């Protein structure tokens, strides 16, 4: 949520931001008008309440002196009616203003590259050299079928499209990847591991900016809860309505969790394989900082995600997203894209974003500064990494001509010393 004071002082900032993001909306005039009407109504309420208090005091004096109070009573009743009308009008204006404000994206930082779409994103650096194969590399879903351990058909039978069942060594590999990632982030980068709730209240999703904007992408229950689309939601919301000591910041949290997304806007995209499923797992990184720590923390978080890919020896590149390809909550984002041999291209495996006080204002998450006054924290989040997509990248980059897959060296201890996954028969048949 943006600061209404910022919009009052500089209404053009909203329209300029929408233009940079490629939107035709120019909402500043509507926001300013609603805000002025709301403030006028609030002023009327205050004036009416003050007058009502004065009349109440005067009524007492009239009673004590035995004077006629008819006029006072009539005026008080009128003020009571006017006050109720103003309260209703103010509430309606407040709700209308909130609906618009809640749909405004974050303000982009000045150094975000200008552009209209992902084709305008900027490659910052590339790491590793894609492997040259002596055979035609297979896609991960073909490899999974050859291994007999990746099952889309039975998953579809029980859950529909965009689900997968992993068996045996592939299921173990998925778990090994997550354990490896958590160990690196906790032991080398000082993140605190959290086991977070996977079901959250709507107000939690509103606090992190996922609602109302992305409602159609969420899975809801009949209990008023919704399934998280990322552990970012739970981790960031942990500090809502709290004031932390400045010494606690940066606060670094990480979690391995399932993620649930309807992929409502992804019709026809990546319909095969594990790249875009309704259920997947991810190791998420979240940092809460003071504003002067945010830029350095963003680079540090991105480095933590890159370190995972480097240790797995997976070629990747780092992309600075342009203004037209930025996420709703983000003010600046780096994407990590891993090389997939079957597609002969890089595909997203992580996004690391700084959100400023966009989420913390909604959550009322603050810290106490040196002056003793509470101030809004900044929030950052990043995938460290998407586990399913990492599994995809390992299968494709470490495949062999006979359909087997070599285990990356750093994962061998997590695989009980196994060095290779060989084709086998599906355990169900």
Protein backbone atom coordinates (compact mmCIF):
# COMPACT_ATOMS: atom_id res chain seq x y z
CA UNK A 1 0.00 0.00 0.00
CA UNK A 2 1.32 3.41 -0.92
CA UNK A 3 1.41 6.34 1.49
CA UNK A 4 -1.52 8.69 0.85
CA UNK A 5 0.62 11.57 2.15
CA UNK A 6 3.07 10.93 -0.70
CA UNK A 7 0.25 11.15 -3.22
CA UNK A 8 -1.10 14.35 -1.67
CA UNK A 9 2.32 15.98 -1.91
CA UNK A 10 3.14 14.65 -5.37
CA UNK A 11 0.10 13.22 -7.18
CA UNK A 12 2.02 12.95 -10.47
CA UNK A 13 4.20 10.22 -8.96
CA UNK A 14 1.35 7.73 -9.30
CA UNK A 15 0.58 8.48 -12.94
CA UNK A 16 4.27 8.48 -13.86
CA UNK A 17 4.70 5.13 -12.13
CA UNK A 18 1.71 3.64 -13.97
CA UNK A 19 3.12 4.92 -17.26
CA UNK A 20 6.53 3.38 -16.52
CA UNK A 21 4.80 0.06 -15.80
CA UNK A 22 3.03 0.20 -19.15
CA UNK A 23 -0.47 0.85 -17.78
CA UNK A 24 -2.93 3.25 -19.36
CA UNK A 25 -4.53 4.00 -15.97
CA UNK A 26 -3.99 7.48 -14.52
CA UNK A 27 -5.66 7.26 -11.10
CA UNK A 28 -4.18 10.30 -9.33
CA UNK A 29 -7.12 12.67 -10.03
CA UNK A 30 -9.68 10.20 -8.66
CA UNK A 31 -7.54 9.48 -5.59
CA UNK A 32 -7.00 13.16 -4.82
CA UNK A 33 -10.71 13.93 -5.22
CA UNK A 34 -11.76 11.04 -2.95
CA UNK A 35 -9.13 11.96 -0.39
CA UNK A 36 -10.27 15.60 -0.33
CA UNK A 37 -13.91 14.57 0.05
CA UNK A 38 -12.98 12.17 2.84
CA UNK A 39 -10.96 14.79 4.70
CA UNK A 40 -13.78 17.31 4.32
CA UNK A 41 -16.24 14.79 5.73
CA UNK A 42 -13.89 14.05 8.61
CA UNK A 43 -13.60 17.78 9.31
CA UNK A 44 -17.41 18.05 9.36
CA UNK A 45 -17.53 15.14 11.80
CA UNK A 46 -15.03 16.81 14.11
CA UNK A 47 -16.87 20.13 13.93
CA UNK A 48 -20.24 18.47 14.58
CA UNK A 49 -18.85 16.49 17.51
CA UNK A 50 -17.30 19.61 19.03
CA UNK A 51 -20.60 21.47 18.68
CA UNK A 52 -22.48 18.53 20.16
CA UNK A 53 -20.15 18.54 23.16
CA UNK A 54 -20.67 22.29 23.56
CA UNK A 55 -24.45 21.86 23.46
CA UNK A 56 -24.28 19.06 26.03
CA UNK A 57 -22.35 21.33 28.38
CA UNK A 58 -24.78 24.17 27.72
CA UNK A 59 -27.75 21.85 28.31
CA UNK A 60 -26.45 21.02 31.76
CA UNK A 61 -26.06 24.70 32.57
CA UNK A 62 -29.60 25.44 31.32
CA UNK A 63 -31.05 22.65 33.44
CA UNK A 64 -29.32 23.90 36.55
CA UNK A 65 -30.62 27.42 35.90
CA UNK A 66 -34.15 26.20 35.09
CA UNK A 67 -34.06 27.60 31.56
CA UNK A 68 -35.93 26.26 28.56
CA UNK A 69 -33.89 23.48 26.86
CA UNK A 70 -36.20 22.88 23.90
CA UNK A 71 -33.96 24.62 21.40
CA UNK A 72 -30.89 22.86 22.76
CA UNK A 73 -32.51 19.44 22.46
CA UNK A 74 -33.63 20.12 18.89
CA UNK A 75 -30.16 21.31 17.90
CA UNK A 76 -28.54 18.29 19.55
CA UNK A 77 -30.86 15.91 17.70
CA UNK A 78 -30.04 17.59 14.41
CA UNK A 79 -26.33 17.34 15.14
CA UNK A 80 -26.73 13.69 16.05
CA UNK A 81 -28.40 13.09 12.69
CA UNK A 82 -25.75 15.11 10.81
CA UNK A 83 -22.94 13.28 12.61
CA UNK A 84 -24.37 9.87 11.73
CA UNK A 85 -24.75 10.92 8.09
CA UNK A 86 -21.14 12.17 8.02
CA UNK A 87 -19.88 8.95 9.61
CA UNK A 88 -21.67 6.89 6.96
CA UNK A 89 -20.40 9.11 4.15
CA UNK A 90 -16.84 9.00 5.53
CA UNK A 91 -16.94 5.21 5.86
CA UNK A 92 -18.15 4.83 2.27
CA UNK A 93 -15.48 7.22 0.97
CA UNK A 94 -12.81 5.44 3.00
CA UNK A 95 -13.80 2.07 1.55
CA UNK A 96 -13.90 3.46 -1.98
CA UNK A 97 -10.47 5.05 -1.55
CA UNK A 98 -9.04 1.83 -0.07
CA UNK A 99 -10.26 -0.23 -3.02
CA UNK A 100 -8.35 2.02 -5.40
CA UNK A 101 -5.26 2.33 -3.21
CA UNK A 102 -5.12 -1.45 -2.67
CA UNK A 103 -4.85 -1.98 -6.43
CA UNK A 104 -2.00 0.50 -6.94
CA UNK A 105 1.36 -1.21 -7.61
CA UNK A 106 4.52 -0.27 -5.78
CA UNK A 107 6.57 2.74 -6.88
CA UNK A 108 9.47 1.63 -9.07
CA UNK A 109 12.96 2.71 -8.12
CA UNK A 110 14.70 5.14 -10.45
CA UNK A 111 17.37 2.63 -11.50
CA UNK A 112 14.88 0.02 -12.78
CA UNK A 113 15.57 -0.32 -16.55
CA UNK A 114 12.92 1.20 -18.77
CA UNK A 115 11.07 -1.22 -21.04
CA UNK A 116 7.71 -2.58 -22.16
CA UNK A 117 8.07 -6.35 -21.76
CA UNK A 118 10.42 -9.17 -20.77
CA UNK A 119 12.29 -8.65 -24.05
CA UNK A 120 13.56 -5.37 -22.57
CA UNK A 121 14.97 -6.97 -19.40
CA UNK A 122 18.70 -6.42 -18.91
CA UNK A 123 21.22 -9.24 -18.49
CA UNK A 124 23.53 -8.24 -15.64
CA UNK A 125 25.81 -11.27 -15.60
CA UNK A 126 26.07 -14.88 -16.72
CA UNK A 127 27.67 -17.76 -14.82
CA UNK A 128 28.79 -21.14 -16.14
CA UNK A 129 28.93 -22.58 -19.64
CA UNK A 130 26.07 -24.69 -20.98
CA UNK A 131 27.12 -28.29 -21.45
CA UNK A 132 27.77 -29.63 -24.95
CA UNK A 133 25.99 -32.95 -25.37
CA UNK A 134 27.14 -35.80 -27.62
CA UNK A 135 23.47 -36.72 -27.96
CA UNK A 136 20.19 -34.83 -28.25
CA UNK A 137 19.24 -33.86 -24.68
CA UNK A 138 15.77 -34.87 -23.54
CA UNK A 139 13.22 -32.70 -21.77
CA UNK A 140 12.79 -33.37 -18.07
CA UNK A 141 9.36 -34.97 -18.47
CA UNK A 142 10.79 -37.44 -21.02
CA UNK A 143 13.63 -38.22 -18.63
CA UNK A 144 11.17 -38.68 -15.79
CA UNK A 145 9.19 -41.16 -17.85
CA UNK A 146 12.37 -43.00 -18.85
CA UNK A 147 13.42 -43.18 -15.21
CA UNK A 148 9.97 -44.52 -14.35
CA UNK A 149 9.77 -42.11 -11.43
CA UNK A 150 7.76 -39.09 -12.70
CA UNK A 151 4.04 -39.66 -13.16
CA UNK A 152 1.74 -37.03 -14.64
CA UNK A 153 -1.05 -39.40 -15.70
CA UNK A 154 -1.84 -40.78 -12.24
CA UNK A 155 -1.48 -37.30 -10.72
CA UNK A 156 -4.03 -36.02 -13.27
CA UNK A 157 -6.32 -38.93 -12.41
CA UNK A 158 -6.54 -37.81 -8.78
CA UNK A 159 -6.07 -34.04 -9.09
CA UNK A 160 -6.48 -32.93 -12.70
CA UNK A 161 -3.98 -31.18 -14.94
CA UNK A 162 -0.77 -29.48 -13.74
CA UNK A 163 0.09 -31.94 -10.97
CA UNK A 164 2.84 -34.56 -10.72
CA UNK A 165 3.70 -37.56 -8.57
CA UNK A 166 7.38 -38.35 -7.95
CA UNK A 167 8.52 -41.78 -6.81
CA UNK A 168 11.59 -43.32 -5.21
CA UNK A 169 14.88 -41.62 -5.97
CA UNK A 170 13.24 -38.64 -7.68
CA UNK A 171 11.13 -37.97 -4.59
CA UNK A 172 14.29 -38.33 -2.51
CA UNK A 173 16.13 -35.95 -4.85
CA UNK A 174 13.41 -33.33 -4.46
CA UNK A 175 13.74 -33.57 -0.69
CA UNK A 176 17.56 -33.56 -0.91
CA UNK A 177 17.52 -30.34 -2.95
CA UNK A 178 15.39 -28.60 -0.33
CA UNK A 179 17.56 -29.80 2.58
CA UNK A 180 20.70 -28.66 0.76
CA UNK A 181 19.24 -25.22 0.08
CA UNK A 182 18.13 -24.74 3.68
CA UNK A 183 21.53 -25.78 5.00
CA UNK A 184 23.31 -23.24 2.79
CA UNK A 185 20.97 -20.38 3.65
CA UNK A 186 21.02 -21.10 7.39
CA UNK A 187 24.70 -22.01 7.83
CA UNK A 188 26.37 -19.74 5.28
CA UNK A 189 23.99 -16.77 5.11
CA UNK A 190 22.51 -16.63 8.60
CA UNK A 191 18.84 -17.09 7.80
CA UNK A 192 16.60 -18.51 10.52
CA UNK A 193 14.60 -21.51 9.31
CA UNK A 194 10.86 -21.28 9.96
CA UNK A 195 8.12 -23.87 9.65
CA UNK A 196 5.27 -21.51 8.66
CA UNK A 197 1.50 -21.95 8.32
CA UNK A 198 0.40 -22.96 4.83
CA UNK A 199 -3.18 -21.77 5.44
CA UNK A 200 -3.58 -18.06 6.12
CA UNK A 201 -6.39 -15.57 6.62
CA UNK A 202 -7.44 -13.16 3.91
CA UNK A 203 -6.19 -10.22 5.98
CA UNK A 204 -2.71 -11.78 5.89
CA UNK A 205 -2.78 -11.88 2.10
CA UNK A 206 -4.08 -8.32 2.04
CA UNK A 207 -1.19 -7.32 4.28
CA UNK A 208 1.40 -8.72 1.89
CA UNK A 209 -0.30 -7.26 -1.18
CA UNK A 210 -1.48 -10.56 -2.67
CA UNK A 211 -5.11 -9.58 -2.17
CA UNK A 212 -7.22 -8.19 -3.70
CA UNK A 213 -4.99 -8.09 -6.81
CA UNK A 214 -4.32 -11.83 -7.17
CA UNK A 215 -7.49 -13.42 -5.80
CA UNK A 216 -8.09 -15.52 -8.91
CA UNK A 217 -4.63 -17.08 -8.51
CA UNK A 218 -5.42 -18.31 -4.97
CA UNK A 219 -7.00 -21.50 -3.69
CA UNK A 220 -9.57 -20.80 -0.97
CA UNK A 221 -11.10 -23.09 1.65
CA UNK A 222 -14.59 -23.02 3.14
CA UNK A 223 -13.18 -21.98 6.52
CA UNK A 224 -12.10 -18.47 5.55
CA UNK A 225 -8.51 -19.57 4.98
CA UNK A 226 -6.50 -19.53 1.76
CA UNK A 227 -3.55 -21.68 0.71
CA UNK A 228 -0.29 -19.78 0.39
CA UNK A 229 1.13 -19.17 -3.08
CA UNK A 230 4.55 -18.64 -1.50
CA UNK A 231 6.00 -18.77 2.01
CA UNK A 232 6.78 -15.07 1.55
CA UNK A 233 3.22 -14.45 2.75
CA UNK A 234 3.61 -16.23 6.08
CA UNK A 235 7.19 -15.12 6.76
CA UNK A 236 6.58 -11.42 6.08
CA UNK A 237 3.32 -11.35 8.03
CA UNK A 238 5.01 -12.76 11.16
CA UNK A 239 6.12 -9.22 12.06
CA UNK A 240 2.74 -7.58 11.39
CA UNK A 241 1.47 -5.20 14.10
CA UNK A 242 4.83 -5.35 15.88
CA UNK A 243 7.60 -2.89 16.66
CA UNK A 244 11.04 -4.53 16.59
CA UNK A 245 14.22 -3.08 18.07
CA UNK A 246 16.51 -1.69 15.37
CA UNK A 247 19.19 -4.11 16.57
CA UNK A 248 17.06 -7.02 15.27
CA UNK A 249 17.38 -5.78 11.69
CA UNK A 250 18.11 -7.08 9.16
CA UNK A 251 15.88 -9.97 10.22
CA UNK A 252 16.45 -12.90 7.85
CA UNK A 253 13.94 -15.76 7.65
CA UNK A 254 13.69 -18.76 5.34
CA UNK A 255 11.21 -21.60 4.85
CA UNK A 256 10.68 -24.69 2.74
CA UNK A 257 7.00 -25.01 1.89
CA UNK A 258 4.51 -26.20 -0.66
CA UNK A 259 3.05 -23.43 -2.80
CA UNK A 260 -0.38 -23.45 -4.42
CA UNK A 261 -1.30 -21.39 -7.48
CA UNK A 262 -4.26 -21.63 -9.82
CA UNK A 263 -2.11 -20.28 -12.69
CA UNK A 264 -5.22 -18.45 -13.86
CA UNK A 265 -3.20 -16.21 -16.15
CA UNK A 266 -1.03 -18.98 -17.56
CA UNK A 267 -3.45 -20.70 -19.90
CA UNK A 268 -1.49 -22.53 -22.59
CA UNK A 269 1.90 -21.85 -20.98
CA UNK A 270 4.16 -24.75 -19.98
CA UNK A 271 1.32 -27.23 -20.00
CA UNK A 272 3.78 -30.14 -20.08
CA UNK A 273 6.13 -31.07 -17.31
CA UNK A 274 6.89 -29.54 -13.92
CA UNK A 275 7.71 -25.93 -14.82
CA UNK A 276 4.27 -24.50 -14.04
CA UNK A 277 2.18 -26.69 -11.73
CA UNK A 278 -0.65 -25.89 -9.33
CA UNK A 279 1.37 -27.38 -6.45
CA UNK A 280 5.13 -27.09 -6.08
CA UNK A 281 7.75 -26.60 -3.39
CA UNK A 282 10.06 -23.68 -2.83
CA UNK A 283 12.65 -22.44 -0.39
CA UNK A 284 11.76 -18.82 0.28
CA UNK A 285 13.95 -16.04 1.68
CA UNK A 286 12.52 -12.99 3.45
CA UNK A 287 14.39 -10.06 4.98
CA UNK A 288 13.05 -7.19 7.08
CA UNK A 289 15.33 -4.17 7.14
CA UNK A 290 15.73 -0.52 7.94
CA UNK A 291 15.49 1.58 4.75
CA UNK A 292 19.24 2.30 4.67
CA UNK A 293 19.96 -1.46 4.66
CA UNK A 294 17.65 -2.44 1.82
CA UNK A 295 19.87 -2.07 -1.26
CA UNK A 296 22.76 -4.01 0.29
CA UNK A 297 20.34 -6.69 1.54
CA UNK A 298 18.92 -7.08 -1.96
CA UNK A 299 22.36 -7.79 -3.38
CA UNK A 300 23.12 -10.16 -0.49
CA UNK A 301 19.88 -12.10 -0.97
CA UNK A 302 20.49 -12.42 -4.71
CA UNK A 303 23.99 -13.71 -3.98
CA UNK A 304 22.55 -16.32 -1.60
CA UNK A 305 20.27 -17.61 -4.38
CA UNK A 306 23.13 -17.55 -6.90
CA UNK A 307 25.33 -19.53 -4.52
CA UNK A 308 22.89 -22.45 -4.67
CA UNK A 309 23.13 -22.57 -8.47
CA UNK A 310 26.90 -22.25 -8.39
CA UNK A 311 27.29 -25.12 -5.91
CA UNK A 312 25.00 -27.23 -8.09
CA UNK A 313 27.11 -26.18 -11.10
CA UNK A 314 24.06 -25.13 -13.09
CA UNK A 315 24.64 -22.40 -15.71
CA UNK A 316 22.48 -19.32 -15.11
CA UNK A 317 22.16 -15.63 -15.71
CA UNK A 318 20.95 -12.70 -13.61
CA UNK A 319 18.35 -10.37 -15.13
CA UNK A 320 17.27 -6.90 -14.02
CA UNK A 321 13.54 -6.74 -14.76
CA UNK A 322 12.45 -3.70 -16.75
CA UNK A 323 9.62 -1.38 -15.77
CA UNK A 324 7.05 -3.17 -17.95
CA UNK A 325 7.80 -6.62 -16.49
CA UNK A 326 7.82 -5.82 -12.78
CA UNK A 327 5.69 -7.53 -10.14
CA UNK A 328 2.91 -5.71 -8.32
CA UNK A 329 4.57 -5.54 -4.88
CA UNK A 330 8.12 -4.97 -6.08
CA UNK A 331 10.05 -1.74 -6.50
CA UNK A 332 13.07 -3.54 -8.01
CA UNK A 333 13.61 -7.18 -9.02
CA UNK A 334 16.42 -9.44 -10.13
CA UNK A 335 15.48 -12.72 -11.78
CA UNK A 336 17.77 -15.73 -11.87
CA UNK A 337 17.33 -17.85 -14.98
CA UNK A 338 18.78 -21.35 -15.24
CA UNK A 339 19.83 -23.03 -18.50
CA UNK A 340 17.52 -25.79 -19.78
CA UNK A 341 19.23 -27.80 -22.56
CA UNK A 342 16.01 -29.22 -24.01
CA UNK A 343 14.69 -25.71 -24.64
CA UNK A 344 18.11 -24.20 -25.42
CA UNK A 345 17.25 -21.20 -23.31
CA UNK A 346 17.33 -19.81 -19.80
CA UNK A 347 14.18 -20.12 -17.65
CA UNK A 348 13.29 -18.32 -14.43
CA UNK A 349 14.18 -20.17 -11.24
CA UNK A 350 14.20 -17.29 -8.74
CA UNK A 351 13.02 -13.71 -8.29
CA UNK A 352 14.66 -11.53 -5.64
CA UNK A 353 12.74 -8.32 -4.95
CA UNK A 354 12.81 -5.34 -2.68
CA UNK A 355 9.40 -3.99 -1.73
CA UNK A 356 10.29 -0.96 0.38
CA UNK A 357 7.48 -0.23 2.87
CA UNK A 358 4.75 -1.35 0.44
CA UNK A 359 3.94 -4.50 2.44
CA UNK A 360 4.94 -3.29 5.89
CA UNK A 361 2.56 -0.33 5.70
CA UNK A 362 -0.32 -2.74 5.15
CA UNK A 363 0.98 -5.02 7.90
CA UNK A 364 1.86 -2.17 10.29
CA UNK A 365 5.32 -3.74 10.72
CA UNK A 366 7.66 -1.25 12.34
CA UNK A 367 10.99 -0.86 14.10
CA UNK A 368 12.07 1.64 16.73
CA UNK A 369 14.71 4.01 15.39
CA UNK A 370 17.50 5.82 17.20
CA UNK A 371 15.14 8.71 17.92
CA UNK A 372 12.85 6.30 19.77
CA UNK A 373 10.04 6.75 17.25
CA UNK A 374 8.48 3.81 15.38
CA UNK A 375 9.12 3.71 11.63
CA UNK A 376 8.07 1.28 8.90
CA UNK A 377 10.46 -1.55 8.06
CA UNK A 378 11.33 -2.47 4.49
CA UNK A 379 10.66 -5.99 3.22
CA UNK A 380 12.48 -8.12 0.67
CA UNK A 381 11.76 -11.59 -0.64
CA UNK A 382 13.38 -14.08 -2.95
CA UNK A 383 13.24 -17.68 -4.06
CA UNK A 384 16.22 -19.55 -2.84
CA UNK A 385 15.24 -21.52 -5.02
CA UNK A 386 12.11 -23.01 -6.57
CA UNK A 387 12.75 -26.67 -5.74
CA UNK A 388 10.74 -28.23 -8.56
CA UNK A 389 12.43 -26.09 -11.21
CA UNK A 390 15.82 -26.91 -9.68
CA UNK A 391 14.94 -30.59 -10.02
CA UNK A 392 14.04 -29.94 -13.66
CA UNK A 393 17.37 -28.18 -14.26
CA UNK A 394 19.37 -31.00 -12.62
CA UNK A 395 17.62 -33.68 -14.66
CA UNK A 396 18.27 -31.88 -17.93
CA UNK A 397 21.81 -30.68 -17.27
CA UNK A 398 23.05 -33.89 -15.62
CA UNK A 399 21.38 -36.41 -17.97
CA UNK A 400 23.28 -39.19 -19.69
CA UNK A 401 22.78 -40.85 -23.07
CA UNK A 402 21.21 -43.97 -21.52
CA UNK A 403 18.53 -41.93 -19.75
CA UNK A 404 20.22 -42.01 -16.35
CA UNK A 405 20.93 -38.84 -14.37
CA UNK A 406 24.13 -38.12 -12.44
CA UNK A 407 23.68 -36.65 -8.96
CA UNK A 408 25.45 -33.27 -8.47
CA UNK A 409 28.39 -33.66 -6.10
CA UNK A 410 26.96 -31.41 -3.38
CA UNK A 411 23.78 -33.50 -3.22
CA UNK A 412 25.44 -36.92 -2.89
CA UNK A 413 25.56 -36.71 0.95
CA UNK A 414 21.82 -35.91 0.93
CA UNK A 415 21.18 -38.94 -1.31
CA UNK A 416 22.79 -41.47 1.04
CA UNK A 417 25.90 -41.61 -1.13
CA UNK A 418 24.06 -42.42 -4.36
CA UNK A 419 25.80 -40.93 -7.39
CA UNK A 420 23.34 -41.76 -10.16
CA UNK A 421 19.63 -42.33 -10.80
CA UNK A 422 19.13 -45.08 -13.35
CA UNK A 423 16.00 -46.03 -15.32
CA UNK A 424 13.78 -48.39 -13.44
CA UNK A 425 10.23 -49.68 -13.57
CA UNK A 426 7.49 -47.48 -12.21
CA UNK A 427 6.76 -48.85 -8.74
CA UNK A 428 3.03 -49.05 -9.47
CA UNK A 429 3.60 -50.62 -12.87
